[in-house]
N, C-alpha and C. Protein backbone atom coordinates (compact mmCIF):
# COMPACT_ATOMS: atom_id res chain seq x y z
N UNK A 1 11.05 3.05 -28.36
CA UNK A 1 9.50 2.43 -28.10
C UNK A 1 9.08 3.65 -27.71
N UNK A 2 7.66 3.48 -27.47
CA UNK A 2 6.82 4.79 -27.35
C UNK A 2 5.87 3.61 -25.92
N UNK A 3 5.52 4.88 -24.78
CA UNK A 3 4.74 5.08 -23.94
C UNK A 3 3.63 3.94 -24.28
N UNK A 4 3.44 2.76 -23.40
CA UNK A 4 2.53 1.86 -23.32
C UNK A 4 0.70 3.01 -22.50
N UNK A 5 0.00 3.01 -23.10
CA UNK A 5 -1.21 3.43 -22.08
C UNK A 5 -2.21 2.17 -21.83
N UNK A 6 -2.61 1.80 -20.43
CA UNK A 6 -2.94 0.75 -20.16
C UNK A 6 -4.47 1.54 -19.20
N UNK A 7 -5.03 0.64 -19.56
CA UNK A 7 -6.77 0.61 -18.95
C UNK A 7 -6.57 -0.32 -17.29
N UNK A 8 -6.76 0.16 -16.40
CA UNK A 8 -6.59 -0.50 -14.71
C UNK A 8 -8.70 -1.02 -15.45
N UNK A 9 -8.55 -2.76 -14.55
CA UNK A 9 -9.63 -2.94 -14.10
C UNK A 9 -9.84 -3.86 -12.74
N UNK A 10 -10.44 -2.93 -11.46
CA UNK A 10 -10.20 -3.85 -10.43
C UNK A 10 -11.02 -5.01 -10.63
N UNK A 11 -10.67 -5.79 -9.76
CA UNK A 11 -11.15 -6.93 -9.93
C UNK A 11 -12.93 -6.98 -9.18
N UNK A 12 -14.26 -7.28 -9.33
CA UNK A 12 -15.20 -6.97 -8.72
C UNK A 12 -15.85 -7.78 -7.33
N UNK A 13 -14.21 -8.33 -6.95
CA UNK A 13 -14.59 -8.95 -5.51
C UNK A 13 -14.35 -7.86 -4.43
N UNK A 14 -13.31 -7.11 -5.56
CA UNK A 14 -12.89 -6.29 -4.54
C UNK A 14 -13.59 -4.36 -3.54
N UNK A 15 -14.00 -4.85 -2.35
CA UNK A 15 -14.61 -3.60 -1.83
C UNK A 15 -14.36 -2.15 -1.83
N UNK A 16 -14.32 -1.89 -2.57
CA UNK A 16 -13.71 -0.39 -3.31
C UNK A 16 -14.23 1.47 -1.97
N UNK A 17 -13.54 1.88 -2.11
CA UNK A 17 -13.40 2.44 -1.28
C UNK A 17 -14.34 3.81 -2.18
N UNK A 18 -15.58 4.76 -1.65
CA UNK A 18 -16.69 5.90 -2.04
C UNK A 18 -15.48 6.21 -3.56
N UNK A 19 -14.72 7.82 -2.85
CA UNK A 19 -14.01 7.73 -3.89
C UNK A 19 -13.20 6.67 -5.63
N UNK A 20 -13.12 6.43 -5.10
CA UNK A 20 -12.60 4.71 -6.25
C UNK A 20 -13.94 4.49 -6.82
N UNK A 21 -15.31 4.08 -6.19
CA UNK A 21 -16.30 4.14 -6.90
C UNK A 21 -16.31 5.21 -8.06
N UNK A 22 -16.23 6.39 -7.84
CA UNK A 22 -16.69 7.70 -9.36
C UNK A 22 -15.43 7.31 -10.14
N UNK A 23 -14.41 7.21 -10.51
CA UNK A 23 -13.40 7.25 -11.23
C UNK A 23 -14.05 6.43 -12.39
N UNK A 24 -13.63 6.72 -13.72
CA UNK A 24 -13.80 5.70 -14.79
C UNK A 24 -12.09 5.37 -15.44
N UNK A 25 -12.26 4.16 -15.37
CA UNK A 25 -10.30 3.98 -15.52
C UNK A 25 -10.38 4.33 -16.43
N UNK A 26 -11.02 4.10 -17.75
CA UNK A 26 -11.35 4.02 -19.34
C UNK A 26 -10.65 5.28 -19.58
N UNK A 27 -11.38 6.04 -18.74
CA UNK A 27 -10.76 7.37 -18.96
C UNK A 27 -9.79 8.70 -18.88
N UNK A 28 -8.71 7.35 -17.81
CA UNK A 28 -7.92 7.80 -17.97
C UNK A 28 -7.41 7.01 -17.40
N UNK A 29 -6.28 6.61 -18.54
CA UNK A 29 -5.44 5.64 -18.55
C UNK A 29 -4.45 5.55 -17.70
N UNK A 30 -3.16 4.42 -17.45
CA UNK A 30 -1.73 4.65 -17.14
C UNK A 30 -1.09 4.25 -18.15
N UNK A 31 -0.18 5.58 -18.33
CA UNK A 31 1.38 5.75 -18.62
C UNK A 31 2.30 5.26 -19.24
N UNK A 32 2.83 4.15 -18.86
CA UNK A 32 4.17 3.80 -18.67
C UNK A 32 5.05 3.62 -19.72
N UNK A 33 6.40 3.36 -19.15
CA UNK A 33 7.22 2.81 -20.80
C UNK A 33 7.47 1.48 -20.84
N UNK A 34 7.74 1.33 -21.35
CA UNK A 34 7.78 -0.79 -21.56
C UNK A 34 8.98 -1.36 -21.32
N UNK A 35 9.54 0.07 -21.14
CA UNK A 35 11.25 -0.53 -19.81
C UNK A 35 10.67 -0.91 -18.65
N UNK A 36 9.00 -0.47 -18.19
CA UNK A 36 8.90 -0.64 -16.58
C UNK A 36 8.98 -2.11 -16.38
N UNK A 37 9.32 -2.33 -14.93
CA UNK A 37 8.73 -4.33 -14.68
C UNK A 37 7.10 -3.70 -13.72
N UNK A 38 6.33 -5.28 -14.46
CA UNK A 38 5.26 -5.40 -13.89
C UNK A 38 5.32 -4.80 -12.20
N UNK A 39 6.27 -4.54 -11.55
CA UNK A 39 5.81 -4.44 -10.16
C UNK A 39 5.71 -3.19 -9.70
N UNK A 40 6.90 -2.52 -10.99
CA UNK A 40 6.67 -0.96 -11.12
C UNK A 40 6.03 -0.41 -11.20
N UNK A 41 4.53 -1.15 -12.63
CA UNK A 41 3.21 -0.93 -12.11
C UNK A 41 2.21 -0.76 -11.58
N UNK A 42 2.22 -2.14 -10.84
CA UNK A 42 1.41 -2.15 -9.71
C UNK A 42 1.73 -0.60 -8.14
N UNK A 43 3.28 -1.42 -8.29
CA UNK A 43 3.67 0.44 -7.66
C UNK A 43 2.57 1.73 -7.65
N UNK A 44 2.83 1.65 -9.15
CA UNK A 44 2.16 2.92 -9.63
C UNK A 44 0.44 3.20 -9.22
N UNK A 45 -0.37 1.73 -9.61
CA UNK A 45 -1.86 1.86 -9.38
C UNK A 45 -1.68 1.97 -8.63
N UNK A 46 -0.96 1.39 -7.26
CA UNK A 46 -1.67 1.35 -5.59
C UNK A 46 -0.99 2.87 -5.04
N UNK A 47 -0.02 3.68 -5.49
CA UNK A 47 0.31 4.91 -5.38
C UNK A 47 -1.04 5.53 -5.56
N UNK A 48 -1.39 5.71 -6.76
CA UNK A 48 -2.60 6.29 -7.70
C UNK A 48 -3.80 5.69 -6.64
N UNK A 49 -3.87 4.89 -6.10
CA UNK A 49 -5.57 4.75 -5.45
C UNK A 49 -5.26 5.31 -4.56
N UNK A 50 -4.22 5.00 -3.13
CA UNK A 50 -4.03 6.69 -1.95
C UNK A 50 -4.40 6.89 -2.24
N UNK A 51 -3.73 7.80 -3.60
CA UNK A 51 -4.02 9.05 -3.33
C UNK A 51 -4.95 9.76 -4.22
N UNK A 52 -5.65 9.44 -4.50
CA UNK A 52 -7.65 9.41 -4.75
C UNK A 52 -7.94 9.18 -3.68
N UNK A 53 -8.15 8.54 -2.37
CA UNK A 53 -8.66 7.75 -1.83
C UNK A 53 -7.83 8.85 -0.66
N UNK A 54 -7.04 9.15 -0.41
CA UNK A 54 -6.48 10.55 0.59
C UNK A 54 -7.24 11.83 0.09
N UNK A 55 -7.48 12.34 -1.07
CA UNK A 55 -7.63 13.35 -1.29
C UNK A 55 -8.71 13.89 -1.04
N UNK A 56 -9.68 12.38 -0.10
CA UNK A 56 -11.70 12.75 -0.12
C UNK A 56 -11.30 12.61 1.23
N UNK A 57 -9.82 12.08 1.45
CA UNK A 57 -10.25 12.35 3.30
C UNK A 57 -10.50 11.15 3.56
N UNK A 58 -10.20 10.00 3.29
CA UNK A 58 -10.59 8.70 3.03
C UNK A 58 -9.04 8.02 2.67
N UNK A 59 -7.82 8.09 4.20
CA UNK A 59 -6.80 7.21 3.59
C UNK A 59 -7.14 5.21 3.44
N UNK A 60 -6.55 5.25 2.98
CA UNK A 60 -6.41 3.51 2.39
C UNK A 60 -5.16 3.00 2.02
N UNK A 61 -4.37 2.40 2.20
CA UNK A 61 -3.10 1.61 1.68
C UNK A 61 -3.98 -0.27 1.28
N UNK A 62 -3.31 -0.17 -0.22
CA UNK A 62 -3.62 -0.61 -0.93
C UNK A 62 -2.66 -1.28 -1.69
N UNK A 63 -2.39 -3.27 -1.18
CA UNK A 63 -1.73 -3.77 -1.77
C UNK A 63 -2.67 -5.05 -2.55
N UNK A 64 -1.48 -4.78 -4.25
CA UNK A 64 -1.66 -5.61 -5.31
C UNK A 64 -1.52 -7.46 -4.95
N UNK A 65 -2.34 -7.77 -5.39
CA UNK A 65 -1.93 -9.82 -5.15
C UNK A 65 -1.50 -10.45 -6.23
N UNK A 66 -2.30 -9.93 -7.25
CA UNK A 66 -2.08 -10.50 -8.62
C UNK A 66 -3.04 -9.57 -9.50
N UNK A 67 -1.94 -8.74 -10.80
CA UNK A 67 -1.92 -8.85 -11.47
C UNK A 67 -2.39 -9.39 -13.52
N UNK A 68 -2.88 -9.32 -14.10
CA UNK A 68 -2.71 -9.77 -15.60
C UNK A 68 -3.53 -8.99 -16.61
N UNK A 69 -3.00 -9.53 -17.42
CA UNK A 69 -3.75 -8.84 -19.12
C UNK A 69 -5.34 -9.63 -19.35
N UNK A 70 -6.18 -8.59 -19.03
CA UNK A 70 -7.48 -9.50 -19.41
C UNK A 70 -7.87 -9.85 -20.61
N UNK A 71 -6.86 -10.13 -21.58
CA UNK A 71 -6.72 -10.76 -22.75
C UNK A 71 -6.41 -12.07 -23.04
N UNK A 72 -5.96 -12.29 -21.92
CA UNK A 72 -5.66 -13.23 -20.88
C UNK A 72 -5.82 -13.85 -19.37
N UNK A 73 -6.98 -13.90 -18.65
CA UNK A 73 -6.84 -13.60 -17.85
C UNK A 73 -6.76 -15.13 -16.95
N UNK A 74 -6.40 -15.80 -17.50
CA UNK A 74 -6.09 -17.09 -16.65
C UNK A 74 -3.82 -17.23 -16.10
N UNK A 75 -3.85 -16.06 -16.25
CA UNK A 75 -2.29 -16.11 -16.33
C UNK A 75 -2.07 -15.10 -15.24
N UNK A 76 -1.34 -15.15 -14.29
CA UNK A 76 -1.28 -14.25 -13.57
C UNK A 76 0.02 -14.06 -13.70
N UNK A 77 0.78 -12.27 -14.56
CA UNK A 77 2.00 -11.89 -14.62
C UNK A 77 3.04 -12.06 -13.63
N UNK A 78 4.13 -12.07 -14.33
CA UNK A 78 5.49 -12.36 -13.16
C UNK A 78 5.90 -10.85 -13.10
N UNK A 79 6.12 -10.03 -11.71
CA UNK A 79 6.31 -8.66 -11.26
C UNK A 79 7.62 -7.92 -11.53
N UNK A 80 8.84 -9.50 -11.93
CA UNK A 80 10.08 -9.07 -12.43
C UNK A 80 10.33 -9.03 -14.08
N UNK A 81 9.07 -9.80 -14.38
CA UNK A 81 8.70 -9.42 -16.02
C UNK A 81 8.70 -8.26 -16.50
N UNK A 82 9.30 -7.49 -17.76
CA UNK A 82 8.96 -6.00 -18.43
C UNK A 82 7.16 -5.72 -18.99
N UNK A 83 6.70 -4.95 -18.44
CA UNK A 83 5.03 -4.29 -19.21
C UNK A 83 4.86 -4.69 -20.66
N UNK A 84 6.01 -4.53 -21.48
CA UNK A 84 6.56 -4.84 -22.60
C UNK A 84 6.43 -6.05 -23.27
N UNK A 85 6.55 -6.75 -22.43
CA UNK A 85 6.18 -8.49 -23.09
C UNK A 85 4.60 -9.32 -22.55
N UNK A 86 4.04 -8.17 -21.73
CA UNK A 86 2.82 -8.81 -21.73
C UNK A 86 1.49 -7.93 -22.22
N UNK A 87 2.31 -6.38 -23.02
CA UNK A 87 0.77 -5.69 -23.21
C UNK A 87 2.05 -4.86 -24.49
N UNK A 88 0.21 -4.90 -25.04
CA UNK A 88 0.25 -3.52 -26.06
C UNK A 88 -0.08 -2.30 -25.95
N UNK A 89 -0.01 -1.58 -26.48
CA UNK A 89 -0.29 0.30 -26.32
C UNK A 89 -2.30 -0.62 -26.23
N UNK A 90 -2.98 0.64 -25.25
CA UNK A 90 -4.33 0.15 -25.27
C UNK A 90 -4.70 -1.13 -24.60
N UNK A 91 -3.65 -1.86 -24.23
CA UNK A 91 -4.83 -3.08 -23.23
C UNK A 91 -5.26 -2.95 -22.34
N UNK A 92 -6.13 -3.42 -21.38
CA UNK A 92 -6.29 -3.91 -20.74
C UNK A 92 -5.85 -4.85 -18.91
N UNK A 93 -5.62 -3.82 -17.86
CA UNK A 93 -5.22 -4.63 -16.65
C UNK A 93 -5.96 -4.36 -16.00
N UNK A 94 -6.11 -6.28 -15.19
CA UNK A 94 -6.89 -6.54 -14.29
C UNK A 94 -5.78 -6.63 -12.91
N UNK A 95 -6.28 -6.34 -12.16
CA UNK A 95 -6.17 -5.94 -10.08
C UNK A 95 -7.16 -6.73 -9.87
N UNK A 96 -6.14 -7.04 -8.45
CA UNK A 96 -6.84 -8.07 -7.35
C UNK A 96 -5.29 -7.83 -6.27
N UNK A 97 -6.34 -7.57 -5.17
CA UNK A 97 -5.76 -6.33 -4.12
C UNK A 97 -6.50 -6.80 -2.63
N UNK A 98 -5.83 -6.11 -1.65
CA UNK A 98 -6.32 -5.69 -0.24
C UNK A 98 -6.30 -4.15 -0.21
N UNK A 99 -7.70 -2.97 -0.71
CA UNK A 99 -7.75 -2.43 0.73
C UNK A 99 -7.70 -2.47 2.30
N UNK A 100 -6.90 -2.08 2.25
CA UNK A 100 -7.53 -1.34 4.04
C UNK A 100 -7.78 0.03 4.61
N UNK A 101 -8.62 0.16 5.04
CA UNK A 101 -8.43 1.54 5.68
C UNK A 101 -7.41 1.62 6.55
N UNK A 102 -6.38 3.06 6.10
CA UNK A 102 -4.81 3.49 6.70
C UNK A 102 -4.49 3.46 8.35
N UNK A 103 -3.81 2.81 9.46
CA UNK A 103 -4.12 3.45 10.64
C UNK A 103 -3.52 4.21 10.69
N UNK A 104 -4.67 4.92 12.30
CA UNK A 104 -5.07 6.51 12.45
C UNK A 104 -3.77 6.77 12.87
N UNK A 105 -3.34 7.76 12.48
CA UNK A 105 -1.94 8.34 13.16
C UNK A 105 -2.39 9.25 13.95
N UNK A 106 -1.58 9.29 14.52
CA UNK A 106 -1.06 10.18 16.39
C UNK A 106 -0.24 11.14 16.25
N UNK A 107 -0.29 12.73 16.82
CA UNK A 107 0.73 13.65 16.78
C UNK A 107 1.91 13.18 17.60
N UNK A 108 3.11 13.83 16.95
CA UNK A 108 4.09 14.10 17.34
C UNK A 108 4.56 14.35 18.78
N UNK A 109 4.84 13.99 19.77
CA UNK A 109 5.17 14.53 21.12
C UNK A 109 6.59 15.40 21.29
N UNK A 110 6.44 16.13 21.32
CA UNK A 110 7.98 16.59 21.92
C UNK A 110 8.87 16.18 22.57
N UNK A 111 10.11 15.72 22.22
CA UNK A 111 10.79 14.96 23.58
C UNK A 111 10.64 15.38 25.26
N UNK A 112 10.52 17.39 25.24
CA UNK A 112 9.74 18.06 26.24
C UNK A 112 9.21 17.12 26.75
N UNK A 113 8.78 17.45 26.88
CA UNK A 113 6.88 17.22 26.84
C UNK A 113 6.77 15.66 27.41
N UNK A 114 7.62 14.21 26.68
CA UNK A 114 7.43 13.27 27.14
C UNK A 114 8.11 12.76 28.75
N UNK A 115 7.27 12.03 29.32
CA UNK A 115 7.70 11.72 30.25
C UNK A 115 8.78 10.55 30.50
N UNK A 116 9.86 10.54 31.34
CA UNK A 116 10.54 9.79 32.31
C UNK A 116 10.48 7.92 32.02
N UNK A 117 10.37 6.72 31.84
CA UNK A 117 9.70 5.83 33.07
C UNK A 117 11.30 4.84 32.63
N UNK A 118 11.51 4.35 34.16
CA UNK A 118 12.37 3.67 34.05
C UNK A 118 11.53 2.03 34.66
N UNK A 119 11.63 1.09 33.29
CA UNK A 119 11.46 -0.08 33.71
C UNK A 119 12.17 -1.22 34.97
N UNK A 120 11.70 -1.78 35.78
CA UNK A 120 12.66 -2.18 36.61
C UNK A 120 12.03 -3.67 36.78
N UNK A 121 12.67 -4.52 36.38
CA UNK A 121 12.50 -6.19 36.09
C UNK A 121 13.67 -7.12 36.58
N UNK A 122 12.65 -8.03 36.97
CA UNK A 122 14.35 -9.85 37.63
C UNK A 122 13.26 -10.81 37.56
N UNK A 123 14.23 -11.58 38.40
CA UNK A 123 13.15 -12.95 38.60
C UNK A 123 13.57 -12.67 40.30
N UNK A 124 11.90 -13.33 40.54
CA UNK A 124 11.19 -13.75 41.99
C UNK A 124 12.62 -13.44 43.02
N UNK A 125 12.76 -12.55 44.03
CA UNK A 125 13.96 -12.54 45.16
C UNK A 125 15.44 -12.15 44.53
N UNK A 126 15.38 -11.28 43.15
CA UNK A 126 17.10 -11.05 42.75
C UNK A 126 16.67 -9.31 43.32
N UNK A 127 15.74 -8.80 44.27
CA UNK A 127 16.26 -7.58 45.05
C UNK A 127 15.34 -6.47 44.65
N UNK A 128 13.92 -6.69 43.47
CA UNK A 128 14.17 -5.39 43.18
C UNK A 128 13.57 -4.61 43.57
N UNK A 129 12.35 -5.17 45.18
CA UNK A 129 12.70 -4.10 45.82
C UNK A 129 13.36 -3.17 47.39
N UNK A 130 14.11 -3.96 47.02
CA UNK A 130 15.88 -3.67 47.76
C UNK A 130 16.27 -2.56 47.51
N UNK A 131 16.24 -2.48 46.18
CA UNK A 131 16.93 -1.56 45.10
C UNK A 131 15.84 -0.33 45.27
N UNK A 132 14.70 -1.03 45.22
CA UNK A 132 13.88 0.55 44.22
C UNK A 132 13.78 1.64 45.88
N UNK A 133 14.03 0.36 46.63
CA UNK A 133 13.90 0.77 48.39
C UNK A 133 15.27 1.81 49.23
N UNK A 134 16.76 1.55 48.52
CA UNK A 134 17.29 2.33 48.17
C UNK A 134 18.13 3.39 47.16
N UNK A 135 16.87 3.35 45.88
CA UNK A 135 17.15 4.58 45.28
C UNK A 135 16.13 5.69 46.07
N UNK A 136 15.18 5.41 46.18
CA UNK A 136 13.86 6.60 46.75
C UNK A 136 14.24 6.86 47.94
N UNK A 137 15.42 6.72 49.22
CA UNK A 137 16.09 6.91 50.19
C UNK A 137 16.98 7.89 49.55
């Protein structure tokens, strides 16, 4: 069975970052084998969106909540179903989900530059101050 070429449609209520607004999804369909699960198609679309935004230095995280075939837009697809159960070559699938700015990543600090910290806890009257005084003397 030949691979399926499927066109993505992102729901208009989603706020798309600028790099995604410039993409013509009709001109660049997703090619998937018919043995793919719907979840694998979702992951492929999520990875594509994140890759496009990362390339434009606007890192995002995309989580698809629901996917459907635009020929039957009243029925959400089961992520465990095979793509071939719901799509024919050339079909369009709709997606709706959350696109959020990726959290900032901080540079890794080498172990030798880290400052060791000891936290001393205990109940009231347990002797924390006494222990600290003993350690410092």
